[in-house]
Protein backbone atom coordinates (compact mmCIF):
# COMPACT_ATOMS: atom_id res chain seq x y z
CA UNK A 1 -29.07 205.50 -147.90
CA UNK A 2 -31.57 202.67 -147.59
CA UNK A 3 -33.99 202.11 -150.46
CA UNK A 4 -37.54 203.47 -149.88
CA UNK A 5 -38.97 199.98 -149.50
CA UNK A 6 -36.43 198.97 -146.83
CA UNK A 7 -38.28 198.25 -143.55
CA UNK A 8 -37.25 200.07 -140.38
CA UNK A 9 -37.57 196.85 -138.41
CA UNK A 10 -36.75 193.52 -140.04
CA UNK A 11 -39.35 190.74 -139.47
CA UNK A 12 -36.68 188.02 -139.39
CA UNK A 13 -38.26 184.61 -139.01
CA UNK A 14 -35.53 183.18 -136.75
CA UNK A 15 -35.77 185.82 -134.02
CA UNK A 16 -36.93 183.26 -131.48
CA UNK A 17 -33.65 181.38 -131.99
CA UNK A 18 -31.46 184.45 -131.60
CA UNK A 19 -29.76 185.64 -128.45
CA UNK A 20 -30.88 188.93 -126.97
CA UNK A 21 -27.75 190.76 -128.08
CA UNK A 22 -28.14 189.49 -131.66
CA UNK A 23 -31.70 190.86 -131.82
CA UNK A 24 -30.48 194.16 -130.37
CA UNK A 25 -27.69 194.35 -132.93
CA UNK A 26 -30.12 193.66 -135.79
CA UNK A 27 -32.42 196.42 -134.54
CA UNK A 28 -29.44 198.77 -134.26
CA UNK A 29 -28.35 197.90 -137.80
CA UNK A 30 -31.68 198.70 -139.41
CA UNK A 31 -32.10 201.85 -137.35
CA UNK A 32 -28.61 203.13 -138.20
CA UNK A 33 -29.31 203.58 -141.93
CA UNK A 34 -25.61 203.46 -142.89
CA UNK A 35 -23.42 201.64 -145.35
CA UNK A 36 -20.73 200.48 -142.91
CA UNK A 37 -21.59 198.91 -139.55
CA UNK A 38 -19.01 197.68 -137.02
CA UNK A 39 -20.04 195.02 -134.50
CA UNK A 40 -17.57 194.23 -131.72
CA UNK A 41 -18.67 191.09 -129.88
CA UNK A 42 -16.57 188.98 -127.55
CA UNK A 43 -15.22 185.72 -129.05
CA UNK A 44 -17.76 182.93 -128.67
CA UNK A 45 -20.79 185.25 -128.56
CA UNK A 46 -22.18 184.24 -131.96
CA UNK A 47 -21.03 186.86 -134.49
CA UNK A 48 -21.41 184.40 -137.36
CA UNK A 49 -25.05 183.69 -136.56
CA UNK A 50 -25.78 187.42 -136.31
CA UNK A 51 -24.08 188.18 -139.62
CA UNK A 52 -25.81 185.38 -141.52
CA UNK A 53 -29.23 186.30 -140.09
CA UNK A 54 -28.66 189.82 -141.37
CA UNK A 55 -27.55 188.46 -144.75
CA UNK A 56 -30.71 186.35 -145.02
CA UNK A 57 -32.87 189.43 -144.40
CA UNK A 58 -30.98 191.66 -146.85
CA UNK A 59 -31.29 188.98 -149.53
CA UNK A 60 -35.00 188.48 -148.75
CA UNK A 61 -35.95 192.13 -149.20
CA UNK A 62 -33.76 192.54 -152.29
CA UNK A 63 -31.36 195.07 -150.76
CA UNK A 64 -28.49 192.80 -151.89
CA UNK A 65 -28.26 189.83 -154.20
CA UNK A 66 -24.69 188.68 -153.50
CA UNK A 67 -22.83 187.92 -150.27
CA UNK A 68 -19.03 187.96 -149.94
CA UNK A 69 -17.34 186.91 -146.70
CA UNK A 70 -13.68 187.80 -146.09
CA UNK A 71 -12.06 185.63 -143.38
CA UNK A 72 -8.56 185.57 -141.84
CA UNK A 73 -7.70 181.91 -142.63
CA UNK A 74 -8.40 179.10 -145.06
CA UNK A 75 -9.90 177.04 -142.25
CA UNK A 76 -12.45 179.75 -141.51
CA UNK A 77 -13.58 179.81 -145.13
CA UNK A 78 -15.00 176.30 -144.71
CA UNK A 79 -16.56 177.18 -141.35
CA UNK A 80 -18.34 180.16 -142.85
CA UNK A 81 -19.60 178.18 -145.85
CA UNK A 82 -20.93 175.40 -143.61
CA UNK A 83 -22.67 177.88 -141.30
CA UNK A 84 -24.20 179.75 -144.24
CA UNK A 85 -25.58 176.51 -145.69
CA UNK A 86 -27.57 175.97 -142.49
CA UNK A 87 -29.55 179.16 -143.23
CA UNK A 88 -29.84 178.32 -146.95
CA UNK A 89 -27.16 180.72 -148.17
CA UNK A 90 -24.81 178.97 -150.58
CA UNK A 91 -21.24 180.34 -150.43
CA UNK A 92 -18.32 178.94 -152.42
CA UNK A 93 -15.24 178.52 -150.16
CA UNK A 94 -13.15 177.26 -153.10
CA UNK A 95 -13.33 180.46 -155.15
CA UNK A 96 -9.88 181.33 -156.50
CA UNK A 97 -8.39 184.47 -157.98
CA UNK A 98 -8.22 182.70 -161.32
CA UNK A 99 -12.04 182.51 -161.40
CA UNK A 100 -14.02 185.35 -162.89
CA UNK A 101 -17.36 184.73 -161.18
CA UNK A 102 -18.80 182.18 -158.73
CA UNK A 103 -20.83 179.32 -160.15
CA UNK A 104 -24.50 180.20 -160.72
CA UNK A 105 -25.76 177.99 -157.89
CA UNK A 106 -23.96 180.13 -155.27
CA UNK A 107 -25.15 183.30 -153.57
CA UNK A 108 -21.55 184.38 -153.15
CA UNK A 109 -18.06 183.40 -152.05
CA UNK A 110 -15.78 183.17 -149.03
CA UNK A 111 -12.21 184.44 -149.48
CA UNK A 112 -9.25 185.37 -147.27
CA UNK A 113 -7.65 188.77 -146.72
CA UNK A 114 -4.44 187.49 -148.28
CA UNK A 115 -6.38 186.32 -151.34
CA UNK A 116 -7.91 189.77 -151.81
CA UNK A 117 -4.55 191.49 -151.31
CA UNK A 118 -2.99 189.33 -154.03
CA UNK A 119 -5.45 190.44 -156.78
CA UNK A 120 -7.80 193.11 -155.55
CA UNK A 121 -9.09 193.93 -159.03
CA UNK A 122 -10.61 190.42 -159.35
CA UNK A 123 -12.64 191.02 -156.22
CA UNK A 124 -13.60 194.56 -157.24
CA UNK A 125 -15.12 193.23 -160.46
CA UNK A 126 -16.98 190.60 -158.45
CA UNK A 127 -18.29 193.29 -156.08
CA UNK A 128 -19.35 195.66 -158.87
CA UNK A 129 -21.22 192.97 -160.82
CA UNK A 130 -24.05 192.71 -158.25
CA UNK A 131 -25.62 194.46 -155.26
CA UNK A 132 -23.14 193.08 -152.75
CA UNK A 133 -23.06 192.65 -148.99
CA UNK A 134 -19.45 192.25 -147.83
CA UNK A 135 -18.92 190.68 -144.40
CA UNK A 136 -15.40 191.44 -143.15
CA UNK A 137 -14.74 188.86 -140.41
CA UNK A 138 -12.15 189.94 -137.81
CA UNK A 139 -11.81 193.17 -139.77
CA UNK A 140 -8.70 194.26 -137.86
CA UNK A 141 -6.77 191.93 -140.17
CA UNK A 142 -7.41 194.39 -142.95
CA UNK A 143 -4.66 196.54 -141.44
CA UNK A 144 -2.06 193.76 -141.23
CA UNK A 145 -0.09 195.49 -144.00
CA UNK A 146 -0.45 198.79 -145.83
CA UNK A 147 -0.96 196.93 -149.11
CA UNK A 148 -3.70 194.79 -147.51
CA UNK A 149 -5.64 197.84 -146.37
CA UNK A 150 -5.35 199.44 -149.79
CA UNK A 151 -6.46 196.21 -151.49
CA UNK A 152 -9.49 195.79 -149.21
CA UNK A 153 -10.59 199.37 -149.86
CA UNK A 154 -10.13 198.95 -153.62
CA UNK A 155 -11.94 195.61 -153.82
CA UNK A 156 -14.93 196.48 -151.65
CA UNK A 157 -15.26 200.23 -152.11
CA UNK A 158 -18.22 199.67 -154.52
CA UNK A 159 -20.09 197.31 -152.14
CA UNK A 160 -23.74 198.14 -151.40
CA UNK A 161 -23.34 197.09 -147.76
CA UNK A 162 -20.32 196.36 -145.55
CA UNK A 163 -20.67 194.56 -142.20
CA UNK A 164 -17.51 194.71 -140.09
CA UNK A 165 -17.07 192.04 -137.40
CA UNK A 166 -14.45 191.71 -134.70
CA UNK A 167 -14.00 190.07 -131.35
CA UNK A 168 -11.12 192.50 -130.72
CA UNK A 169 -11.56 195.72 -132.72
CA UNK A 170 -8.15 197.09 -131.86
CA UNK A 171 -4.64 196.62 -133.15
CA UNK A 172 -1.21 196.78 -131.53
CA UNK A 173 -0.07 199.33 -134.11
CA UNK A 174 -1.48 202.46 -135.71
CA UNK A 175 -2.38 200.93 -139.07
CA UNK A 176 -5.93 202.07 -139.91
CA UNK A 177 -8.57 199.35 -140.30
CA UNK A 178 -10.42 199.61 -143.63
CA UNK A 179 -13.94 201.12 -143.54
CA UNK A 180 -13.76 201.75 -139.76
CA UNK A 181 -14.71 205.29 -138.71
CA UNK A 182 -12.25 207.06 -136.40
CA UNK A 183 -13.48 209.90 -134.19
CA UNK A 184 -11.55 212.12 -131.74
CA UNK A 185 -11.85 211.26 -128.05
CA UNK A 186 -11.59 213.67 -125.09
CA UNK A 187 -7.84 214.05 -125.61
CA UNK A 188 -8.13 214.56 -129.36
CA UNK A 189 -6.75 211.12 -130.30
CA UNK A 190 -8.55 209.39 -133.16
CA UNK A 191 -10.27 206.25 -131.88
CA UNK A 192 -12.33 203.63 -133.71
CA UNK A 193 -16.09 204.05 -133.45
CA UNK A 194 -18.09 200.87 -132.80
CA UNK A 195 -21.76 200.78 -133.84
CA UNK A 196 -22.72 197.88 -131.56
CA UNK A 197 -20.65 196.33 -128.77
CA UNK A 198 -21.19 193.16 -126.77
CA UNK A 199 -18.40 192.68 -124.23
CA UNK A 200 -17.18 189.70 -122.25
CA UNK A 201 -18.65 190.99 -118.98
CA UNK A 202 -22.21 191.14 -120.30
CA UNK A 203 -21.80 187.87 -122.21
CA UNK A 204 -20.66 186.16 -119.01
CA UNK A 205 -23.67 187.51 -117.11
CA UNK A 206 -25.97 186.32 -119.92
CA UNK A 207 -24.50 182.81 -119.84
CA UNK A 208 -23.33 183.17 -123.45
CA UNK A 209 -19.67 182.53 -122.59
CA UNK A 210 -17.89 180.49 -119.92
CA UNK A 211 -16.15 181.84 -116.84
CA UNK A 212 -12.36 181.52 -117.22
CA UNK A 213 -9.99 180.80 -114.32
CA UNK A 214 -6.38 181.76 -115.00
CA UNK A 215 -3.92 179.47 -113.19
CA UNK A 216 -0.66 181.46 -112.90
CA UNK A 217 2.62 179.55 -112.49
CA UNK A 218 5.94 181.06 -111.42
CA UNK A 219 9.32 179.42 -110.88
CA UNK A 220 13.08 179.83 -110.83
CA UNK A 221 14.81 179.98 -114.22
CA UNK A 222 18.51 179.65 -115.02
CA UNK A 223 20.16 180.13 -118.41
CA UNK A 224 23.54 180.91 -119.94
CA UNK A 225 24.14 183.80 -122.33
CA UNK A 226 26.34 183.77 -125.41
CA UNK A 227 28.99 185.56 -123.32
CA UNK A 228 29.06 182.63 -120.93
CA UNK A 229 27.31 184.42 -118.06
CA UNK A 230 24.83 182.38 -116.06
CA UNK A 231 21.66 184.27 -115.16
CA UNK A 232 18.90 183.41 -112.75
CA UNK A 233 15.44 184.97 -112.34
CA UNK A 234 11.98 184.17 -111.04
CA UNK A 235 8.89 184.58 -113.18
CA UNK A 236 6.63 187.21 -111.65
CA UNK A 237 9.39 189.20 -109.98
CA UNK A 238 10.42 192.75 -110.79
CA UNK A 239 12.81 191.95 -113.62
CA UNK A 240 13.89 194.05 -116.59
CA UNK A 241 12.06 193.48 -119.85
CA UNK A 242 14.96 191.49 -121.34
CA UNK A 243 15.37 189.32 -118.24
CA UNK A 244 11.62 188.67 -118.16
CA UNK A 245 11.68 187.63 -121.81
CA UNK A 246 14.66 185.34 -121.32
CA UNK A 247 13.20 183.76 -118.18
CA UNK A 248 9.89 183.32 -120.00
CA UNK A 249 11.62 181.58 -122.90
CA UNK A 250 13.47 179.36 -120.45
CA UNK A 251 10.18 178.34 -118.83
CA UNK A 252 8.73 177.36 -122.21
CA UNK A 253 11.73 175.16 -123.07
CA UNK A 254 10.35 171.62 -123.51
CA UNK A 255 13.55 170.17 -122.05
CA UNK A 256 13.15 171.94 -118.71
CA UNK A 257 10.96 171.02 -115.76
CA UNK A 258 8.54 173.95 -115.94
CA UNK A 259 6.52 172.83 -118.98
CA UNK A 260 6.11 169.18 -117.88
CA UNK A 261 4.92 170.36 -114.45
CA UNK A 262 2.40 172.82 -115.91
CA UNK A 263 1.18 170.33 -118.51
CA UNK A 264 0.69 167.77 -115.73
CA UNK A 265 -1.37 170.25 -113.68
CA UNK A 266 -3.41 171.21 -116.74
CA UNK A 267 -4.09 167.56 -117.54
CA UNK A 268 -5.25 166.94 -113.96
CA UNK A 269 -7.62 169.88 -114.33
CA UNK A 270 -8.89 168.45 -117.62
CA UNK A 271 -9.54 165.09 -115.92
CA UNK A 272 -11.60 166.87 -113.23
CA UNK A 273 -13.65 168.71 -115.84
CA UNK A 274 -14.23 165.52 -117.84
CA UNK A 275 -15.92 163.98 -114.79
CA UNK A 276 -18.73 166.45 -115.50
CA UNK A 277 -18.16 167.17 -119.22
CA UNK A 278 -16.95 163.87 -120.75
CA UNK A 279 -15.84 165.27 -124.11
CA UNK A 280 -13.94 168.30 -122.72
CA UNK A 281 -10.63 168.90 -124.50
CA UNK A 282 -7.44 170.89 -123.98
CA UNK A 283 -5.35 173.13 -126.24
CA UNK A 284 -1.67 174.03 -125.88
CA UNK A 285 -0.75 177.18 -127.81
CA UNK A 286 2.93 177.00 -128.76
CA UNK A 287 5.29 179.66 -130.12
CA UNK A 288 6.58 177.63 -133.06
CA UNK A 289 6.34 174.26 -134.75
CA UNK A 290 9.40 172.78 -133.05
CA UNK A 291 7.99 173.53 -129.62
CA UNK A 292 4.54 172.29 -130.65
CA UNK A 293 5.91 168.88 -131.63
CA UNK A 294 7.97 168.68 -128.42
CA UNK A 295 4.93 169.50 -126.26
CA UNK A 296 2.99 166.78 -128.05
CA UNK A 297 5.68 164.29 -127.06
CA UNK A 298 5.44 165.42 -123.42
CA UNK A 299 1.65 164.99 -123.49
CA UNK A 300 2.00 161.52 -124.98
CA UNK A 301 4.36 160.53 -122.14
CA UNK A 302 2.06 162.11 -119.59
CA UNK A 303 -1.31 160.79 -120.75
CA UNK A 304 -0.47 157.75 -122.86
CA UNK A 305 -2.59 159.31 -125.63
CA UNK A 306 -1.36 160.92 -128.83
CA UNK A 307 -2.10 164.66 -129.04
CA UNK A 308 -3.42 166.24 -132.23
CA UNK A 309 -0.77 168.60 -133.65
CA UNK A 310 -2.00 171.43 -135.88
CA UNK A 311 0.59 173.41 -137.85
CA UNK A 312 -0.87 176.32 -139.78
CA UNK A 313 1.13 175.82 -142.97
CA UNK A 314 0.13 172.19 -143.40
CA UNK A 315 -2.56 171.32 -145.92
CA UNK A 316 -4.34 168.99 -143.49
CA UNK A 317 -4.55 171.58 -140.66
CA UNK A 318 -8.27 172.25 -141.22
CA UNK A 319 -9.18 168.57 -141.32
CA UNK A 320 -7.24 167.91 -138.10
CA UNK A 321 -9.11 170.70 -136.32
CA UNK A 322 -12.44 169.31 -137.56
CA UNK A 323 -11.54 165.79 -136.47
CA UNK A 324 -10.48 166.97 -133.02
CA UNK A 325 -13.66 169.01 -132.69
CA UNK A 326 -15.80 165.97 -133.50
CA UNK A 327 -14.02 163.35 -131.36
CA UNK A 328 -13.42 163.07 -127.61
CA UNK A 329 -9.60 162.94 -127.43
CA UNK A 330 -7.86 164.95 -124.73
CA UNK A 331 -5.29 167.33 -126.22
CA UNK A 332 -4.54 169.43 -129.28
CA UNK A 333 -1.31 171.41 -129.75
CA UNK A 334 -1.21 174.32 -132.17
CA UNK A 335 1.19 177.08 -133.10
CA UNK A 336 0.11 180.58 -132.15
CA UNK A 337 -1.15 181.51 -135.63
CA UNK A 338 -3.94 178.93 -135.38
CA UNK A 339 -5.49 180.37 -132.24
CA UNK A 340 -7.77 182.81 -134.00
CA UNK A 341 -10.81 181.16 -135.54
CA UNK A 342 -10.22 177.68 -134.14
CA UNK A 343 -13.85 176.93 -133.35
CA UNK A 344 -13.77 173.89 -131.06
CA UNK A 345 -16.53 174.44 -128.48
CA UNK A 346 -15.41 171.48 -126.34
CA UNK A 347 -12.10 173.17 -125.46
CA UNK A 348 -12.16 173.72 -121.69
CA UNK A 349 -8.47 173.78 -120.63
CA UNK A 350 -5.67 175.79 -122.19
CA UNK A 351 -1.93 176.13 -121.71
CA UNK A 352 -0.57 179.45 -122.93
CA UNK A 353 2.91 178.29 -123.94
CA UNK A 354 3.78 181.09 -126.34
CA UNK A 355 5.84 184.27 -126.12
CA UNK A 356 3.12 186.30 -127.88
CA UNK A 357 1.62 188.86 -125.55
CA UNK A 358 -0.17 191.61 -127.44
CA UNK A 359 -3.66 192.35 -126.10
CA UNK A 360 -5.05 191.42 -129.51
CA UNK A 361 -3.45 187.98 -129.59
CA UNK A 362 -4.21 187.28 -125.94
CA UNK A 363 -7.90 188.10 -126.36
CA UNK A 364 -8.17 185.92 -129.46
CA UNK A 365 -6.33 183.04 -127.80
CA UNK A 366 -8.51 183.09 -124.66
CA UNK A 367 -11.51 183.30 -126.97
CA UNK A 368 -10.87 179.67 -127.92
CA UNK A 369 -11.95 178.60 -124.42
CA UNK A 370 -14.94 180.81 -123.64
CA UNK A 371 -17.49 179.32 -126.06
CA UNK A 372 -20.36 177.98 -123.95
CA UNK A 373 -22.50 175.01 -124.99
CA UNK A 374 -24.59 174.89 -121.84
CA UNK A 375 -24.77 176.88 -118.65
CA UNK A 376 -22.27 176.00 -115.97
CA UNK A 377 -19.30 174.95 -118.09
CA UNK A 378 -16.14 176.61 -116.77
CA UNK A 379 -12.74 176.93 -118.45
CA UNK A 380 -9.19 177.01 -117.06
CA UNK A 381 -6.15 178.54 -118.77
CA UNK A 382 -2.63 177.97 -117.40
CA UNK A 383 -0.26 180.94 -117.82
CA UNK A 384 3.35 181.87 -117.03
CA UNK A 385 3.27 184.52 -114.30
CA UNK A 386 4.82 187.44 -116.16
CA UNK A 387 3.60 191.02 -115.64
CA UNK A 388 2.20 191.49 -119.15
CA UNK A 389 0.03 188.37 -119.00
CA UNK A 390 -1.03 189.12 -115.43
CA UNK A 391 -2.29 192.53 -116.57
CA UNK A 392 -4.18 191.07 -119.53
CA UNK A 393 -5.73 188.30 -117.42
CA UNK A 394 -6.89 190.92 -114.91
CA UNK A 395 -8.53 192.92 -117.68
CA UNK A 396 -10.53 190.29 -119.53
CA UNK A 397 -13.61 192.52 -119.34
CA UNK A 398 -11.91 195.74 -120.43
CA UNK A 399 -13.30 197.11 -123.68
CA UNK A 400 -10.69 198.65 -125.95
CA UNK A 401 -10.89 200.59 -129.18
CA UNK A 402 -8.25 201.07 -131.83
CA UNK A 403 -6.31 204.33 -131.49
CA UNK A 404 -4.56 205.78 -134.52
CA UNK A 405 -2.65 208.35 -132.45
CA UNK A 406 -0.18 207.31 -129.78
CA UNK A 407 -0.41 209.37 -126.60
CA UNK A 408 2.43 210.43 -124.34
CA UNK A 409 3.16 208.19 -121.37
CA UNK A 410 3.97 210.89 -118.81
CA UNK A 411 1.01 210.04 -116.57
CA UNK A 412 -0.18 206.76 -117.98
CA UNK A 413 0.59 204.74 -114.83
CA UNK A 414 1.64 201.13 -114.42
CA UNK A 415 -1.35 199.62 -116.22
CA UNK A 416 -0.85 201.57 -119.44
CA UNK A 417 2.91 201.02 -119.40
CA UNK A 418 2.42 197.28 -119.09
CA UNK A 419 -0.08 197.25 -121.94
CA UNK A 420 2.26 199.35 -124.02
CA UNK A 421 4.97 196.78 -123.32
CA UNK A 422 2.52 194.07 -124.33
CA UNK A 423 1.93 195.82 -127.63
CA UNK A 424 5.65 195.55 -128.38
CA UNK A 425 6.32 192.16 -126.81
CA UNK A 426 5.55 190.11 -129.93
CA UNK A 427 8.19 191.92 -131.99
CA UNK A 428 10.59 191.96 -129.06
CA UNK A 429 10.31 188.24 -128.46
CA UNK A 430 10.78 187.51 -132.16
CA UNK A 431 13.87 189.73 -132.24
CA UNK A 432 15.14 188.08 -129.09
CA UNK A 433 14.81 184.67 -130.69
CA UNK A 434 16.96 185.80 -133.61
CA UNK A 435 19.55 187.94 -131.81
CA UNK A 436 19.86 186.59 -128.29
CA UNK A 437 21.86 183.38 -128.18
CA UNK A 438 21.40 181.52 -124.94
CA UNK A 439 21.21 178.06 -123.43
CA UNK A 440 18.50 177.10 -120.98
CA UNK A 441 20.01 175.41 -117.91
CA UNK A 442 17.07 174.67 -115.64
CA UNK A 443 13.49 175.68 -114.92
CA UNK A 444 11.28 174.90 -111.95
CA UNK A 445 7.53 175.52 -111.72
CA UNK A 446 5.38 176.35 -108.76
CA UNK A 447 1.75 177.32 -108.55
CA UNK A 448 1.38 181.02 -107.77
CA UNK A 449 -2.26 182.13 -107.86
CA UNK A 450 -5.59 182.02 -109.66
CA UNK A 451 -7.00 185.10 -111.38
CA UNK A 452 -10.75 185.33 -111.90
CA UNK A 453 -13.01 188.28 -112.68
CA UNK A 454 -10.11 190.72 -112.38
CA UNK A 455 -9.10 189.56 -108.89
CA UNK A 456 -6.12 187.56 -107.59
CA UNK A 457 -6.78 184.48 -105.46
CA UNK A 458 -4.06 182.34 -103.93
CA UNK A 459 -0.46 182.75 -102.90
CA UNK A 460 2.78 180.97 -103.49
CA UNK A 461 2.53 177.20 -103.19
CA UNK A 462 4.56 174.25 -104.39
CA UNK A 463 3.11 171.90 -107.05
CA UNK A 464 1.04 169.11 -105.55
CA UNK A 465 0.25 170.98 -102.32
CA UNK A 466 -3.35 171.31 -101.12
CA UNK A 467 -3.59 174.89 -102.42
CA UNK A 468 -2.82 173.91 -105.99
CA UNK A 469 -4.96 170.78 -105.86
CA UNK A 470 -7.89 172.74 -104.41
CA UNK A 471 -8.00 174.95 -107.49
CA UNK A 472 -7.46 172.04 -109.87
CA UNK A 473 -10.25 170.13 -108.13
CA UNK A 474 -12.93 172.76 -108.75
CA UNK A 475 -16.03 171.12 -110.29
CA UNK A 476 -16.24 171.26 -114.07
CA UNK A 477 -19.76 172.71 -113.97
CA UNK A 478 -19.94 176.05 -112.18
CA UNK A 479 -21.90 179.24 -112.74
CA UNK A 480 -19.77 182.43 -112.61
CA UNK A 481 -21.25 183.43 -109.24
CA UNK A 482 -20.40 179.98 -107.84
CA UNK A 483 -16.79 180.31 -108.99
CA UNK A 484 -16.53 183.68 -107.31
CA UNK A 485 -18.15 182.36 -104.13
CA UNK A 486 -15.76 179.39 -103.90
CA UNK A 487 -12.75 181.62 -104.45
CA UNK A 488 -13.90 184.12 -101.84
CA UNK A 489 -14.47 181.31 -99.34
CA UNK A 490 -10.99 179.97 -100.00
CA UNK A 491 -9.45 183.43 -99.63
CA UNK A 492 -11.27 183.92 -96.32
CA UNK A 493 -9.96 180.56 -95.02
CA UNK A 494 -6.41 181.46 -96.02
CA UNK A 495 -6.75 184.83 -94.30
CA UNK A 496 -7.85 183.19 -91.05
CA UNK A 497 -4.99 180.69 -91.21
CA UNK A 498 -2.43 183.47 -91.74
CA UNK A 499 -3.89 185.52 -88.90
CA UNK A 500 -3.79 182.52 -86.54
CA UNK A 501 -0.21 181.73 -87.53
CA UNK A 502 0.92 185.32 -86.99
CA UNK A 503 -0.84 185.43 -83.60
CA UNK A 504 1.14 182.43 -82.35
CA UNK A 505 4.53 183.62 -83.63
CA UNK A 506 6.68 185.34 -80.95
CA UNK A 507 7.37 189.01 -81.48
CA UNK A 508 10.95 189.75 -82.61
CA UNK A 509 13.22 190.82 -79.78
CA UNK A 510 16.29 191.76 -81.77
CA UNK A 511 16.88 194.00 -84.75
CA UNK A 512 16.67 192.01 -87.94
CA UNK A 513 19.62 192.14 -90.34
CA UNK A 514 19.22 194.11 -93.55
CA UNK A 515 17.07 191.90 -95.87
CA UNK A 516 18.47 190.41 -99.03
CA UNK A 517 15.09 190.24 -100.76
CA UNK A 518 14.74 193.80 -101.96
CA UNK A 519 13.23 194.15 -105.37
CA UNK A 520 15.65 194.32 -108.24
CA UNK A 521 14.75 197.96 -108.85
CA UNK A 522 15.67 198.91 -105.26
CA UNK A 523 18.93 196.96 -105.49
CA UNK A 524 19.93 198.65 -108.75
CA UNK A 525 19.12 202.12 -107.37
CA UNK A 526 21.13 201.48 -104.21
CA UNK A 527 24.09 200.08 -106.13
CA UNK A 528 24.13 203.04 -108.55
CA UNK A 529 24.00 205.47 -105.62
CA UNK A 530 26.95 203.77 -103.94
CA UNK A 531 28.89 203.71 -107.22
CA UNK A 532 28.31 207.49 -107.48
CA UNK A 533 29.61 208.06 -103.97
CA UNK A 534 32.67 205.87 -104.53
CA UNK A 535 33.38 207.47 -107.93
CA UNK A 536 33.41 210.93 -106.33
CA UNK A 537 35.82 209.69 -103.65
CA UNK A 538 38.25 208.08 -106.07
CA UNK A 539 37.75 210.10 -109.23
CA UNK A 540 37.16 206.91 -111.23
CA UNK A 541 34.45 206.87 -113.96
CA UNK A 542 31.20 205.11 -113.02
CA UNK A 543 31.72 202.56 -115.80
CA UNK A 544 35.14 201.64 -114.46
CA UNK A 545 33.73 201.12 -110.96
CA UNK A 546 30.97 198.84 -112.31
CA UNK A 547 33.52 196.87 -114.36
CA UNK A 548 35.75 196.38 -111.31
CA UNK A 549 32.78 195.17 -109.25
CA UNK A 550 31.91 192.62 -111.93
CA UNK A 551 35.52 191.41 -112.02
CA UNK A 552 35.70 190.98 -108.24
CA UNK A 553 32.18 189.68 -107.54
CA UNK A 554 31.35 187.92 -110.80
CA UNK A 555 28.07 187.97 -112.67
CA UNK A 556 26.70 189.90 -115.62
CA UNK A 557 25.96 193.60 -116.09
CA UNK A 558 23.65 195.36 -113.65
CA UNK A 559 20.57 195.03 -115.88
CA UNK A 560 20.88 191.22 -115.91
CA UNK A 561 22.25 190.60 -112.42
CA UNK A 562 20.25 188.79 -109.76
CA UNK A 563 19.42 190.17 -106.31
CA UNK A 564 22.21 188.09 -104.74
CA UNK A 565 24.78 189.29 -107.29
CA UNK A 566 23.76 192.91 -106.79
CA UNK A 567 23.89 192.49 -103.00
CA UNK A 568 27.48 191.18 -103.17
CA UNK A 569 28.56 194.30 -105.05
CA UNK A 570 26.65 196.54 -102.62
CA UNK A 571 28.37 194.91 -99.64
CA UNK A 572 31.81 195.32 -101.22
CA UNK A 573 31.19 199.00 -102.05
CA UNK A 574 29.89 199.70 -98.54
CA UNK A 575 33.14 198.37 -97.05
CA UNK A 576 35.21 200.47 -99.40
CA UNK A 577 33.17 203.65 -98.87
CA UNK A 578 33.40 203.27 -95.07
CA UNK A 579 37.13 202.68 -95.21
C-alpha cells in the first residue's frame, strides 16, 4: 500500500513537456495504488521518459531512495544512464556483480537481465538495503529462461516498487514473465493483465510514431537439396512450411540476385527520403554475422559508401551504434539480436533480411523505424513476401497479450494458424540451418505490393517499372492520412486501367485448356486422389505409385515438388487411369 503521505495526484514539474499518454499513465499509476505496474507502449512512444519522470517523483516524495533499471543489453545500460542524467538521476551503468554497493554519488544502477541471472543474491542485497524502485525494461526478457525468471523474482522480490515496461508484452512461448499478473479470459486461458496500454494505432494518430510502408518483394527461387534434387518456388505462393523456409533462405543469400535488387530499391527509397530529411539512415537486419558482412559489401558496391556493421558480441558495438546515430551516413547492418533497443531516431528505411519471424521479434524490429522526430516523417521497410511476414505487417496495430495456456486450433482460422507458425518459425529456421543441407542456385526479385495500415496496395510488377518507382518515389514527409490518400488514389487508377483493359479484350470463343497454375495445395490433393484411384485398380501401395511417378517424371517428393512437376505426374496418371 502507499504511505499515508503519498499524494493521489503527483504534481510533477515536467508535465508540460510530457506527451498526453505519459500524463495519463502517470495518473493511472498513482490512482492504482499497487506495487507492480505494467505499461505496454508501442516502441518509440517514450517509455523511458515516462519511467524516469515517475522515478523523479517517487524520489522527491521519499517513497523510494534507490532506483535500479534492468535492461536487455549492455548498449541499453548506457542509454538509460544518459537519459536518467538529463533528469538529474545518477545511475551507474558500470556496476558489476563483484561490487557490493553502488558508489555514494549514484542514486542507483543499471544492469542487464543476464547479469542478474548470474548472481541474483548480489542484486537482492542491493534491493533490500534501500527503499527501491525497480524498472524492468522490456520485461518479457525476464522469461527468456526458467533460471532467469527465478533469478529476477529472487533479486527484486523485496523491492518497494516495480515498474514493468514493454513495447511487446507477449512472448512466443508459455514462460511466465516475472511480476506480471495473469487473469483468465473468456475461454479460461490465463492472459497477462496490462495496467496501461498505448498502442501503435493511437500513437500514429497522435503523431508520436511514424507511418510505416511495407514494400513486399516476391521472386522465383531455385536451390539444390543434399539429395541432389533441384527445387523451385516463388515467395508468396502457397508453399509448404519447409519449402517457404528454403525459398526464403535462398532469397536472403548474398550471392543471389534477390538481395542486391532489394537493397538497390531500398537505397533508392532512402535517397528520396533524404531529399526531405537529409540525415535519414537505413538499417539492414541480417540473420547472422556472415550475412551481415556480405550485405555490407553489397551496399559498398551499390552506394560507394562503407556501411556501419554492428555485431552484438563485439565490444565496440555500442560505440558504433552511437557514432551512426550521430552522423549522417547512409546504412547500418546489424545481426538480428541488435534490433531491440537500437535507438537511432534517424532510421527511416529498413530491409528485413532475417529468417526470424516471431511476432515479438517482428514488432521489436519494426520499432527501430517508427520513432518520430517531427510530424510528417514516414518510414519504409522492405520485406520478403512470405505468409508469416505478410500477416504480421497487416497487423501492426493489433494489441496482443501474453497467454500462458495454449488453446486448441480447431476453429482458429487462417490468421491464428499463421501467427502460430510465426511463433515457431525462429526455432524452425535455426533447425533448418543446422539440419537442411542445400545449395542456392538462383534468386530473382520482383516488387509485389505495398502494405499500409493493414491494407494491401499494388500488384505484381517487375523491378524498375513505373509501379515500383511510384511507391519508391513517395515524398519523405507525409502525414498518415496523406499516405493513405495517395495509396487509395493509386489503387483507384490501377482499377480503372484494369477495367479498361478487360473491356477491350475479346471474349473467349473456345474452351480454355485446363490451367497449369493451380495452387500447390490443389495440385497435391488432385495427385493424391488419382494415386488412390490407380492404387485401387492395380493393387499397388500408394507409396509405390508415388515412387514410380518420381522415377518416370523426375523431381522430389510431393511436399517439395513444384506445380509443373506435380502436373506432369497428374497427366501421366490420368493417361494410365483412362487406359
